């Protein structure tokens, strides 16, 4: 009996340490820039990186001191059809002597029409989570305020009249099941 309890305590301690370790790792390496962390997140839209990234993938990037040919980076660029500048994820194909970078989508036949300065780069791709937009869309629909309100209303409706003051002998209570 004591040995079984000791194993349960060990599992609890190991589980707690693992959770704390994962949280600490996220805080140090993957905390969003908006919370003072080193990472930025981007949902992929478009097909310029097909074969490497797919529409709906989540890309996690971190800022670096330097970027090199072959690096997959997220940057701000003057995209035709976008209002102002947009975030783009493409591969660096060449770096000029002054540090400006030439980029190209892996699925595009030609390099981009622009060059980017190091200050325009949001970060280097560190992690790809496939199909994250699907999960994101499901959560948006599940946690939609209308859905939450409807569920809260249904729960409240189900709870009406189930308080401890219900009297099974009350003639007004006929038709209710009491257990």
Foldseek 3Di string as FASTA:
>chain_A
DVVVVVVVVVVVVVVVVVVVVVVVCCQAAPDDVVVVYFKHKDQDDDCLQPVNADHQKIWIFGQDPADAAQFWFWFWDDDPPDDHTDIDTFGFHHADPVGWTWTGRPNDPDTDPDTHHSVRTSGTTDDIGPNNNVVVVVVCVCVPVVNVVVVVVVVVVVCPPPDPPDDPVDPVCPPDDDD
